[in-house]
Amino acid sequence: MHIDLPEKLYYGIGEVADAFSVNTSLIRFWEKEFDVLQPKKNAKGNRKFTPKDIKNLELIYHLVKQRGFTLEGAKTHLKDNKGKTLETFDVIRKLETVKAELLKIKDQL
C-alpha cells in the first residue's frame, strides 16, 4: 500500500484517515491500542501526526488489514520485534515500489 501524503511536519487526523481510506475513529482507536502511536495534541486537543507516526500507522495497517493479524497479535509482534519490524517493513515497501515500476516498464514494452 502506498500512502500519498505531501511532505509536512504534521498531518491532521482527517488527512491521515483519507490517506489510509479508513474512518478517523479507527485511527483514534489504534492510537489507544498501540503504544507506538503518540500524536501531538494542540491546545484544542486536535491530533497532529508526525511522519514517524505515519510510518507506524502504515506498519499497523499492514499487519492488521493486509496480513490479517488480530490486534493482540499485532501488539505482540511489534513488542517482540521492536526495531526489526519497521526496518523489514521499509524494505518490503521499497521492493513493492520497485516491482510496480518494473511492471510499468514491462507493460510499455
Protein backbone atom coordinates (compact mmCIF):
# COMPACT_ATOMS: atom_id res chain seq x y z
CA MET A 1 0.00 0.00 0.00
CA HIS A 2 1.33 3.39 -0.96
CA ILE A 3 0.29 6.34 1.19
CA ASP A 4 0.07 9.57 -0.76
CA LEU A 5 0.72 12.44 1.66
CA PRO A 6 2.61 15.67 0.98
CA GLU A 7 5.88 16.34 2.80
CA LYS A 8 4.86 18.10 6.02
CA LEU A 9 5.93 18.19 9.65
CA TYR A 10 2.44 17.42 10.95
CA TYR A 11 -0.71 15.87 9.49
CA GLY A 12 -4.26 16.21 10.75
CA ILE A 13 -6.29 13.14 11.58
CA GLY A 14 -8.59 13.77 8.60
CA GLU A 15 -5.65 13.77 6.19
CA VAL A 16 -4.31 10.58 7.70
CA ALA A 17 -7.67 8.82 7.61
CA ASP A 18 -8.18 9.81 3.97
CA ALA A 19 -4.70 8.59 3.03
CA PHE A 20 -5.41 5.18 4.58
CA SER A 21 -9.04 5.11 3.37
CA VAL A 22 -10.35 4.48 6.89
CA ASN A 23 -12.51 6.38 9.36
CA THR A 24 -10.97 8.80 11.82
CA SER A 25 -12.46 6.69 14.61
CA LEU A 26 -10.23 3.76 13.58
CA ILE A 27 -7.15 5.99 13.78
CA ARG A 28 -8.20 7.15 17.27
CA PHE A 29 -8.86 3.55 18.29
CA TRP A 30 -5.43 2.40 17.09
CA GLU A 31 -3.87 5.32 18.96
CA LYS A 32 -5.36 3.96 22.20
CA GLU A 33 -4.43 0.36 21.43
CA PHE A 34 -0.84 0.77 20.20
CA ASP A 35 1.80 2.47 22.32
CA VAL A 36 3.95 3.31 19.28
CA LEU A 37 1.38 5.90 18.16
CA GLN A 38 1.91 9.12 20.07
CA PRO A 39 0.48 12.01 18.05
CA LYS A 40 0.96 15.50 19.39
CA LYS A 41 -2.13 17.37 20.51
CA ASN A 42 -2.60 21.12 20.24
CA ALA A 43 -4.43 23.31 22.78
CA LYS A 44 -7.79 22.38 21.29
CA GLY A 45 -6.98 18.66 21.51
CA ASN A 46 -6.59 18.13 17.76
CA ARG A 47 -4.20 15.31 16.93
CA LYS A 48 -1.15 16.13 14.82
CA PHE A 49 0.68 13.14 13.38
CA THR A 50 4.39 13.27 12.57
CA PRO A 51 6.00 11.36 9.67
CA LYS A 52 7.19 8.80 12.26
CA ASP A 53 3.59 8.31 13.37
CA ILE A 54 2.59 7.80 9.73
CA LYS A 55 5.25 5.07 9.33
CA ASN A 56 3.97 3.36 12.47
CA LEU A 57 0.40 3.63 11.19
CA GLU A 58 1.48 2.10 7.88
CA LEU A 59 3.02 -0.79 9.77
CA ILE A 60 -0.09 -1.30 11.91
CA TYR A 61 -2.30 -1.10 8.82
CA HIS A 62 -0.10 -3.65 7.07
CA LEU A 63 -0.20 -6.07 9.99
CA VAL A 64 -3.91 -5.75 10.78
CA LYS A 65 -5.57 -5.10 7.42
CA GLN A 66 -3.25 -6.74 4.91
CA ARG A 67 -1.71 -9.65 6.81
CA GLY A 68 -4.78 -10.34 8.95
CA PHE A 69 -3.22 -10.07 12.40
CA THR A 70 -5.54 -9.63 15.36
CA LEU A 71 -4.94 -6.51 17.44
CA GLU A 72 -3.33 -8.60 20.17
CA GLY A 73 -1.20 -10.41 17.60
CA ALA A 74 -0.06 -7.11 16.07
CA LYS A 75 0.80 -5.71 19.52
CA THR A 76 2.80 -8.82 20.36
CA HIS A 77 4.57 -8.74 17.01
CA LEU A 78 5.53 -5.09 17.48
CA LYS A 79 6.81 -5.69 21.02
CA ASP A 80 8.79 -8.82 20.17
CA ASN A 81 10.43 -7.34 17.07
CA LYS A 82 10.79 -3.68 18.07
CA GLY A 83 13.28 -2.30 15.54
CA LYS A 84 13.37 -5.18 13.09
CA THR A 85 9.69 -4.95 12.16
CA LEU A 86 9.89 -1.34 10.99
CA GLU A 87 13.13 -1.93 9.10
CA THR A 88 11.72 -5.03 7.42
CA PHE A 89 8.54 -3.18 6.52
CA ASP A 90 10.56 -0.35 4.94
CA VAL A 91 12.47 -2.86 2.81
CA ILE A 92 9.23 -4.56 1.74
CA ARG A 93 7.68 -1.21 0.84
CA LYS A 94 10.71 -0.25 -1.27
CA LEU A 95 10.67 -3.60 -3.03
CA GLU A 96 6.96 -3.19 -3.81
CA THR A 97 7.72 0.21 -5.32
CA VAL A 98 10.48 -1.28 -7.47
CA LYS A 99 8.16 -4.11 -8.53
CA ALA A 100 5.45 -1.63 -9.55
CA GLU A 101 7.97 0.36 -11.61
CA LEU A 102 9.25 -2.78 -13.31
CA LEU A 103 5.71 -3.90 -14.15
CA LYS A 104 5.02 -0.46 -15.61
CA ILE A 105 8.15 -0.73 -17.76
CA LYS A 106 7.15 -4.25 -18.85
CA ASP A 107 3.72 -3.01 -19.93
CA GLN A 108 5.33 -0.25 -22.01
CA LEU A 109 7.47 -2.74 -23.94
